[in-house]
C-alpha atoms as a PDB file:
ATOM      1  CA  MET A   1      12.182   9.762   0.101  1.00  0.00           C
ATOM      2  CA  PHE A   2      10.708  13.447   0.797  1.00  0.00           C
ATOM      3  CA  CYS A   3      11.260  13.067   4.594  1.00  0.00           C
ATOM      4  CA  GLY A   4      14.590  11.480   3.805  1.00  0.00           C
ATOM      5  CA  ALA A   5      15.744  14.701   2.442  1.00  0.00           C
ATOM      6  CA  LEU A   6      14.876  16.558   5.518  1.00  0.00           C
ATOM      7  CA  GLY A   7      16.849  14.033   7.812  1.00  0.00           C
ATOM      8  CA  ILE A   8      13.387  12.368   8.780  1.00  0.00           C
ATOM      9  CA  ALA A   9      13.561   8.410   8.589  1.00  0.00           C
ATOM     10  CA  VAL A  10      10.220   6.934   7.925  1.00  0.00           C
ATOM     11  CA  PRO A  11      10.034   3.111   7.475  1.00  0.00           C
ATOM     12  CA  GLN A  12       7.857   2.650   4.645  1.00  0.00           C
ATOM     13  CA  LEU A  13       7.902   0.184   1.763  1.00  0.00           C
ATOM     14  CA  ARG A  14       5.816  -0.308  -1.339  1.00  0.00           C
ATOM     15  CA  VAL A  15       3.855  -3.451  -2.696  1.00  0.00           C
ATOM     16  CA  LYS A  16       1.902  -3.439  -5.846  1.00  0.00           C
ATOM     17  CA  GLY A  17      -1.666  -5.002  -6.300  1.00  0.00           C
ATOM     18  CA  THR A  18      -3.002  -6.040  -9.793  1.00  0.00           C
ATOM     19  CA  VAL A  19      -6.650  -5.789 -10.417  1.00  0.00           C
ATOM     20  CA  ALA A  20      -9.149  -6.074 -13.176  1.00  0.00           C
ATOM     21  CA  ARG A  21     -12.775  -5.213 -13.921  1.00  0.00           C
ATOM     22  CA  THR A  22     -15.075  -7.564 -16.016  1.00  0.00           C
ATOM     23  CA  ALA A  23     -18.111  -7.126 -18.406  1.00  0.00           C
ATOM     24  CA  PRO A  24     -21.527  -7.163 -16.947  1.00  0.00           C
ATOM     25  CA  ALA A  25     -21.928 -10.686 -15.458  1.00  0.00           C
ATOM     26  CA  PRO A  26     -24.565 -12.586 -13.761  1.00  0.00           C
ATOM     27  CA  LEU A  27     -25.348 -11.407 -10.211  1.00  0.00           C
ATOM     28  CA  LEU A  28     -23.806 -13.350  -7.662  1.00  0.00           C
ATOM     29  CA  THR A  29     -23.389 -10.601  -4.717  1.00  0.00           C
ATOM     30  CA  GLU A  30     -24.442  -7.052  -4.520  1.00  0.00           C
ATOM     31  CA  GLY A  31     -21.411  -6.766  -2.093  1.00  0.00           C
ATOM     32  CA  THR A  32     -17.861  -8.358  -1.806  1.00  0.00           C
ATOM     33  CA  ALA A  33     -16.764 -12.028  -1.614  1.00  0.00           C
ATOM     34  CA  PHE A  34     -13.242 -13.101  -1.001  1.00  0.00           C
ATOM     35  CA  SER A  35     -10.939 -16.417  -0.852  1.00  0.00           C
ATOM     36  CA  THR A  36      -7.273 -16.721  -0.767  1.00  0.00           C
ATOM     37  CA  ALA A  37      -7.618 -17.340  -4.599  1.00  0.00           C
ATOM     38  CA  VAL A  38      -9.698 -14.499  -5.593  1.00  0.00           C
ATOM     39  CA  ALA A  39     -11.602 -11.617  -4.461  1.00  0.00           C
ATOM     40  CA  ILE A  40     -14.629  -9.966  -6.308  1.00  0.00           C
ATOM     41  CA  ARG A  41     -16.499  -6.726  -5.748  1.00  0.00           C
ATOM     42  CA  ARG A  42     -19.861  -6.102  -7.588  1.00  0.00           C
ATOM     43  CA  ARG A  43     -19.730  -2.962  -9.702  1.00  0.00           C
ATOM     44  CA  LYS A  44     -22.710  -0.498 -10.588  1.00  0.00           C
ATOM     45  CA  ASP A  45     -22.294  -1.318 -14.226  1.00  0.00           C
ATOM     46  CA  GLY A  46     -23.230  -5.150 -13.601  1.00  0.00           C
ATOM     47  CA  GLY A  47     -19.396  -6.342 -13.851  1.00  0.00           C
ATOM     48  CA  TYR A  48     -17.127  -6.899 -11.077  1.00  0.00           C
ATOM     49  CA  THR A  49     -13.904  -5.786  -9.844  1.00  0.00           C
ATOM     50  CA  VAL A  50     -11.459  -8.905  -9.803  1.00  0.00           C
ATOM     51  CA  ALA A  51      -8.089  -9.424  -7.618  1.00  0.00           C
ATOM     52  CA  HIS A  52      -6.145 -12.258  -6.450  1.00  0.00           C
ATOM     53  CA  GLY A  53      -7.028 -13.088  -2.751  1.00  0.00           C
ATOM     54  CA  SER A  54      -3.471 -13.312  -1.851  1.00  0.00           C
ATOM     55  CA  ALA A  55      -0.741 -12.173  -4.239  1.00  0.00           C
ATOM     56  CA  LEU A  56       0.999  -8.819  -3.353  1.00  0.00           C
ATOM     57  CA  GLU A  57       4.418  -7.715  -5.121  1.00  0.00           C
ATOM     58  CA  HIS A  58       7.402  -6.001  -3.560  1.00  0.00           C
ATOM     59  CA  ALA A  59      10.006  -4.778  -5.903  1.00  0.00           C
ATOM     60  CA  ILE A  60      13.483  -5.026  -3.676  1.00  0.00           C
ATOM     61  CA  THR A  61      14.883  -1.309  -3.432  1.00  0.00           C
ATOM     62  CA  PRO A  62      17.802  -0.006  -1.038  1.00  0.00           C
ATOM     63  CA  ALA A  63      14.753   0.662   1.475  1.00  0.00           C
ATOM     64  CA  SER A  64      14.011  -2.905   1.470  1.00  0.00           C
ATOM     65  CA  PHE A  65      17.547  -3.763   3.114  1.00  0.00           C
ATOM     66  CA  ARG A  66      17.441  -0.312   5.378  1.00  0.00           C
ATOM     67  CA  TYR A  67      14.444  -1.489   7.133  1.00  0.00           C
ATOM     68  CA  ALA A  68      14.502  -5.223   6.702  1.00  0.00           C
ATOM     69  CA  ALA A  69      14.634  -6.074  10.580  1.00  0.00           C
ATOM     70  CA  LYS A  70      11.423  -3.740  10.958  1.00  0.00           C
ATOM     71  CA  PHE A  71       9.457  -5.490   8.453  1.00  0.00           C
ATOM     72  CA  LEU A  72      10.607  -9.033   9.115  1.00  0.00           C
ATOM     73  CA  PRO A  73       7.327  -9.634  11.295  1.00  0.00           C
ATOM     74  CA  ALA A  74       4.914  -8.350   8.649  1.00  0.00           C
ATOM     75  CA  LEU A  75       7.033 -10.674   5.939  1.00  0.00           C
ATOM     76  CA  ARG A  76       6.387 -13.614   8.104  1.00  0.00           C
ATOM     77  CA  GLN A  77       2.531 -12.749   8.415  1.00  0.00           C
ATOM     78  CA  GLU A  78       2.528 -12.189   4.494  1.00  0.00           C
ATOM     79  CA  SER A  79       4.773 -14.975   3.746  1.00  0.00           C
ATOM     80  CA  GLY A  80       2.242 -16.906   1.519  1.00  0.00           C
ATOM     81  CA  ALA A  81       1.109 -13.620  -0.276  1.00  0.00           C
ATOM     82  CA  MET A  82       4.017 -11.410  -0.622  1.00  0.00           C
ATOM     83  CA  ARG A  83       6.152 -12.158  -3.895  1.00  0.00           C
ATOM     84  CA  LEU A  84       9.666 -10.520  -3.907  1.00  0.00           C
ATOM     85  CA  ARG A  85      10.996  -9.144  -7.322  1.00  0.00           C
ATOM     86  CA  VAL A  86      14.481  -7.769  -8.314  1.00  0.00           C
ATOM     87  CA  GLY A  87      14.704  -5.636 -11.281  1.00  0.00           C
ATOM     88  CA  ALA A  88      14.813  -1.822 -12.474  1.00  0.00           C
ATOM     89  CA  ASP A  89      13.445  -0.350  -9.188  1.00  0.00           C
ATOM     90  CA  LEU A  90      16.645  -1.474  -7.219  1.00  0.00           C
ATOM     91  CA  VAL A  91      18.856   0.313 -10.010  1.00  0.00           C
ATOM     92  CA  ARG A  92      16.570   3.072 -10.308  1.00  0.00           C
ATOM     93  CA  GLU A  93      16.605   3.979  -6.460  1.00  0.00           C
ATOM     94  CA  LEU A  94      20.078   3.438  -6.247  1.00  0.00           C
ATOM     95  CA  GLY A  95      20.504   6.309  -8.459  1.00  0.00           C
ATOM     96  CA  ALA A  96      17.997   8.641  -7.003  1.00  0.00           C
ATOM     97  CA  PRO A  97      18.991  11.809  -5.196  1.00  0.00           C
ATOM     98  CA  ARG A  98      18.905  11.781  -1.725  1.00  0.00           C
ATOM     99  CA  CYS A  99      18.480  15.828  -1.617  1.00  0.00           C
ATOM    100  CA  TRP A 100      17.789  18.251  -4.511  1.00  0.00           C
ATOM    101  CA  PRO A 101      17.840  22.014  -4.777  1.00  0.00           C
ATOM    102  CA  LEU A 102      14.658  23.876  -4.345  1.00  0.00           C
ATOM    103  CA  ASP A 103      15.296  26.098  -7.430  1.00  0.00           C
ATOM    104  CA  ARG A 104      14.875  23.130  -9.721  1.00  0.00           C
ATOM    105  CA  PRO A 105      12.481  20.587 -10.577  1.00  0.00           C
ATOM    106  CA  SER A 106      12.207  17.773  -7.673  1.00  0.00           C
ATOM    107  CA  PRO A 107      12.250  14.087  -8.510  1.00  0.00           C
ATOM    108  CA  PHE A 108       8.349  14.287  -7.881  1.00  0.00           C
ATOM    109  CA  GLU A 109       7.747  16.934 -10.517  1.00  0.00           C
ATOM    110  CA  ARG A 110       9.974  14.723 -13.126  1.00  0.00           C
ATOM    111  CA  CYS A 111       7.431  11.708 -12.147  1.00  0.00           C
ATOM    112  CA  ARG A 112       4.178  12.873 -11.554  1.00  0.00           C
ATOM    113  CA  VAL A 113       2.087  10.073 -12.426  1.00  0.00           C
ATOM    114  CA  LEU A 114       2.330   6.567 -10.900  1.00  0.00           C
ATOM    115  CA  ALA A 115       0.977   3.940 -13.092  1.00  0.00           C
ATOM    116  CA  PRO A 116       2.573   0.609 -12.594  1.00  0.00           C
ATOM    117  CA  ARG A 117       2.110  -2.131 -15.016  1.00  0.00           C
ATOM    118  CA  PRO A 118      -0.460  -4.854 -14.106  1.00  0.00           C
ATOM    119  CA  ASN A 119       0.899  -8.255 -13.579  1.00  0.00           C
ATOM    120  CA  ASP A 120      -0.817 -10.707 -16.135  1.00  0.00           C
ATOM    121  CA  ARG A 121       0.388 -13.798 -14.499  1.00  0.00           C
ATOM    122  CA  ILE A 122      -1.612 -12.842 -11.331  1.00  0.00           C
ATOM    123  CA  LEU A 123      -4.768 -12.086 -13.222  1.00  0.00           C
ATOM    124  CA  ALA A 124      -4.463 -15.252 -14.767  1.00  0.00           C
ATOM    125  CA  GLU A 125      -4.134 -16.875 -11.545  1.00  0.00           C
ATOM    126  CA  ALA A 126      -7.321 -14.736 -10.469  1.00  0.00           C
ATOM    127  CA  ARG A 127      -9.120 -16.269 -13.467  1.00  0.00           C
ATOM    128  CA  GLN A 128      -8.457 -19.802 -12.147  1.00  0.00           C
ATOM    129  CA  GLY A 129      -9.798 -18.784  -8.667  1.00  0.00           C
ATOM    130  CA  LEU A 130     -13.047 -17.380 -10.448  1.00  0.00           C
ATOM    131  CA  ARG A 131     -13.269 -20.858 -12.310  1.00  0.00           C
ATOM    132  CA  ARG A 132     -12.993 -22.890  -8.994  1.00  0.00           C
ATOM    133  CA  PHE A 133     -15.077 -20.423  -6.764  1.00  0.00           C
ATOM    134  CA  PHE A 134     -17.583 -18.375  -9.066  1.00  0.00           C
ATOM    135  CA  PRO A 135     -17.872 -20.730 -12.243  1.00  0.00           C
ATOM    136  CA  GLU A 136     -20.864 -18.204 -12.986  1.00  0.00           C
ATOM    137  CA  ILE A 137     -18.901 -15.213 -13.840  1.00  0.00           C
ATOM    138  CA  ALA A 138     -15.624 -17.318 -14.875  1.00  0.00           C
ATOM    139  CA  ASP A 139     -15.931 -16.552 -18.463  1.00  0.00           C
ATOM    140  CA  ALA A 140     -16.728 -12.928 -18.254  1.00  0.00           C
ATOM    141  CA  PRO A 141     -14.070 -11.171 -20.344  1.00  0.00           C
ATOM    142  CA  PHE A 142     -11.553  -8.453 -18.504  1.00  0.00           C
ATOM    143  CA  VAL A 143     -12.240  -5.166 -19.985  1.00  0.00           C
ATOM    144  CA  GLU A 144      -9.745  -3.161 -18.005  1.00  0.00           C
ATOM    145  CA  ARG A 145      -6.815  -4.234 -16.026  1.00  0.00           C
ATOM    146  CA  TRP A 146      -4.673  -1.775 -13.802  1.00  0.00           C
ATOM    147  CA  ALA A 147      -2.333  -1.995 -10.811  1.00  0.00           C
ATOM    148  CA  GLY A 148      -1.523   0.116  -7.808  1.00  0.00           C
ATOM    149  CA  MET A 149       0.958   0.960  -5.388  1.00  0.00           C
ATOM    150  CA  ILE A 150       0.172   0.404  -1.506  1.00  0.00           C
ATOM    151  CA  GLU A 151       2.782   2.125   0.925  1.00  0.00           C
ATOM    152  CA  VAL A 152       3.123  -0.138   3.901  1.00  0.00           C
ATOM    153  CA  SER A 153       4.389   0.557   7.358  1.00  0.00           C
ATOM    154  CA  PRO A 154       5.895  -2.250   9.429  1.00  0.00           C
ATOM    155  CA  ASP A 155       3.043  -2.710  11.565  1.00  0.00           C
ATOM    156  CA  VAL A 156       0.597  -2.405   8.741  1.00  0.00           C
ATOM    157  CA  LEU A 157      -0.840   0.733  10.589  1.00  0.00           C
ATOM    158  CA  PRO A 158      -0.837   4.224   9.498  1.00  0.00           C
ATOM    159  CA  ILE A 159       1.893   6.851  10.459  1.00  0.00           C
ATOM    160  CA  ILE A 160      -0.016   9.903  11.887  1.00  0.00           C
ATOM    161  CA  SER A 161       2.559  11.955  13.592  1.00  0.00           C
ATOM    162  CA  THR A 162       4.408  15.088  14.531  1.00  0.00           C
ATOM    163  CA  VAL A 163       8.194  15.049  13.908  1.00  0.00           C
ATOM    164  CA  ASP A 164      10.647  16.404  16.889  1.00  0.00           C
ATOM    165  CA  VAL A 165      13.418  17.458  15.085  1.00  0.00           C
ATOM    166  CA  LEU A 166      11.166  19.631  12.555  1.00  0.00           C
ATOM    167  CA  PRO A 167       8.070  21.423  14.459  1.00  0.00           C
ATOM    168  CA  GLY A 168       5.199  22.108  12.346  1.00  0.00           C
ATOM    169  CA  PHE A 169       5.888  19.149  10.130  1.00  0.00           C
ATOM    170  CA  ILE A 170       3.163  16.132   9.984  1.00  0.00           C
ATOM    171  CA  VAL A 171       3.601  12.940   8.718  1.00  0.00           C
ATOM    172  CA  ALA A 172       0.378  11.250   7.461  1.00  0.00           C
ATOM    173  CA  THR A 173       1.569   7.796   5.508  1.00  0.00           C
ATOM    174  CA  GLY A 174       1.757   4.068   5.604  1.00  0.00           C
ATOM    175  CA  PHE A 175      -1.806   3.360   5.314  1.00  0.00           C
ATOM    176  CA  SER A 176      -1.175  -0.196   4.038  1.00  0.00           C
ATOM    177  CA  GLY A 177      -4.235  -0.663   1.993  1.00  0.00           C
ATOM    178  CA  HIS A 178      -6.578   0.665   4.280  1.00  0.00           C
ATOM    179  CA  GLY A 179      -6.641   4.474   3.419  1.00  0.00           C
ATOM    180  CA  PHE A 180      -9.868   4.387   1.578  1.00  0.00           C
ATOM    181  CA  GLY A 181     -11.682   3.153   4.563  1.00  0.00           C
ATOM    182  CA  ILE A 182     -10.275   5.133   7.431  1.00  0.00           C
ATOM    183  CA  GLY A 183      -9.420   8.302   5.345  1.00  0.00           C
ATOM    184  CA  PRO A 184     -12.091  10.333   6.701  1.00  0.00           C
ATOM    185  CA  GLY A 185     -10.969   9.602  10.354  1.00  0.00           C
ATOM    186  CA  ALA A 186      -7.177  10.135   9.449  1.00  0.00           C
ATOM    187  CA  GLY A 187      -7.912  13.668   7.781  1.00  0.00           C
ATOM    188  CA  ALA A 188      -9.673  14.523  11.066  1.00  0.00           C
ATOM    189  CA  LEU A 189      -6.935  13.253  13.101  1.00  0.00           C
ATOM    190  CA  VAL A 190      -4.314  15.391  11.022  1.00  0.00           C
ATOM    191  CA  ALA A 191      -6.614  18.476  11.168  1.00  0.00           C
ATOM    192  CA  ASP A 192      -6.630  18.025  15.018  1.00  0.00           C
ATOM    193  CA  LEU A 193      -2.957  17.806  14.833  1.00  0.00           C
ATOM    194  CA  VAL A 194      -2.504  21.117  12.778  1.00  0.00           C
ATOM    195  CA  GLU A 195      -4.747  22.887  15.285  1.00  0.00           C
ATOM    196  CA  ASN A 196      -2.898  21.625  18.225  1.00  0.00           C
ATOM    197  CA  ARG A 197      -6.201  19.885  19.587  1.00  0.00           C
ATOM    198  CA  ALA A 198      -5.384  16.169  19.177  1.00  0.00           C
ATOM    199  CA  SER A 199      -5.551  13.943  22.277  1.00  0.00           C
ATOM    200  CA  PRO A 200      -2.170  12.460  23.186  1.00  0.00           C
ATOM    201  CA  ASN A 201      -4.171   9.000  23.562  1.00  0.00           C
ATOM    202  CA  GLU A 202      -5.329   9.088  20.116  1.00  0.00           C
ATOM    203  CA  LEU A 203      -1.685   9.753  18.928  1.00  0.00           C
ATOM    204  CA  VAL A 204       0.141   6.794  20.692  1.00  0.00           C
ATOM    205  CA  PRO A 205      -0.641   4.030  18.076  1.00  0.00           C
ATOM    206  CA  PHE A 206       0.177   6.101  14.981  1.00  0.00           C
ATOM    207  CA  ARG A 207       3.394   7.866  16.282  1.00  0.00           C
ATOM    208  CA  LEU A 208       6.331   7.677  14.064  1.00  0.00           C
ATOM    209  CA  GLN A 209       8.710   7.072  16.915  1.00  0.00           C
ATOM    210  CA  ARG A 210       7.088   3.702  17.745  1.00  0.00           C
ATOM    211  CA  PHE A 211       9.501   2.092  15.229  1.00  0.00           C
ATOM    212  CA  PHE A 212      12.600   3.484  16.932  1.00  0.00           C
ATOM    213  CA  ASP A 213      11.802   3.599  20.616  1.00  0.00           C
ATOM    214  CA  GLY A 214      12.324  -0.330  21.317  1.00  0.00           C
ATOM    215  CA  SER A 215       8.325  -0.655  21.132  1.00  0.00           C
ATOM    216  CA  PRO A 216       7.619  -4.270  19.913  1.00  0.00           C
ATOM    217  CA  ILE A 217       6.507  -4.553  16.075  1.00  0.00           C
ATOM    218  CA  ARG A 218       3.278  -6.455  15.844  1.00  0.00           C
ATOM    219  CA  PRO A 219       1.759  -6.417  12.397  1.00  0.00           C
ATOM    220  CA  GLY A 220      -2.074  -5.755  12.409  1.00  0.00           C
ATOM    221  CA  PRO A 221      -4.621  -6.642   9.790  1.00  0.00           C
ATOM    222  CA  THR A 222      -3.254  -8.026   6.396  1.00  0.00           C
ATOM    223  CA  VAL A 223      -2.346  -5.453   3.688  1.00  0.00           C
END
C-alpha cells in the first residue's frame, strides 16, 4: 500500500497464522517437533507454543485478484494448507485510499497496531493433533492464544531491492514467515544497499524486478 502510493508495484499478500501457548507440561523435547497436524516448540516456562502444522488463512482482497497469476504457483504448492476467506477485509481494502495528503494522518497512523483475532477452529484442530501425536501434553490448557500476519511474496523469498523509478528508495519486505531466521542477514544486506557496497550477485535473487521481467516464478520453502 505504501509503495503503491509512490507508483511502485510490489506483489505481496498476507496470510494469517494462529498460535497458542500451553501451561507447563511434561518434557517431550527441548526444541521443536512438527507434523502436518500440529507443531510444537518448548518454552522456557515449561509450556509449549502450539500451532497447526499446515493451516494458514488468506483473506481475499483486491490485491489477491491483482496478483493472482503471480501467486498461482505458490497457491498450488500450498493447496493443502491455504484456507481462503471472503469477508470484511475485501470491503475495507476496496475503500482504502490509494494515496493521501502528507500533511494529514496517513492510513498507517490510523491503524498503528495489527492484532488479528486467532482462529479457534484451527486451534481445535491443533488440539486434535496433540492428542494423536503428543498425548502426554494433549490436555495441557491453552493459557494464551494469538494470531499474526505473514507477508508473502510469490516465490516465498524476500524482496530486498532498490527501485529504478525512485533512486534512494529501498524495499525490504515479503519475508514469507522466515523473517526471524534471516533478519540479521537481511539487515546487513539492506545496510550494504544503503552504503552502495552490496555485491550484484547478492542482490539478484531478491530484486523486485524478478516478478516483472519474465523470470519464472518458482516458490521456495513453505510459508
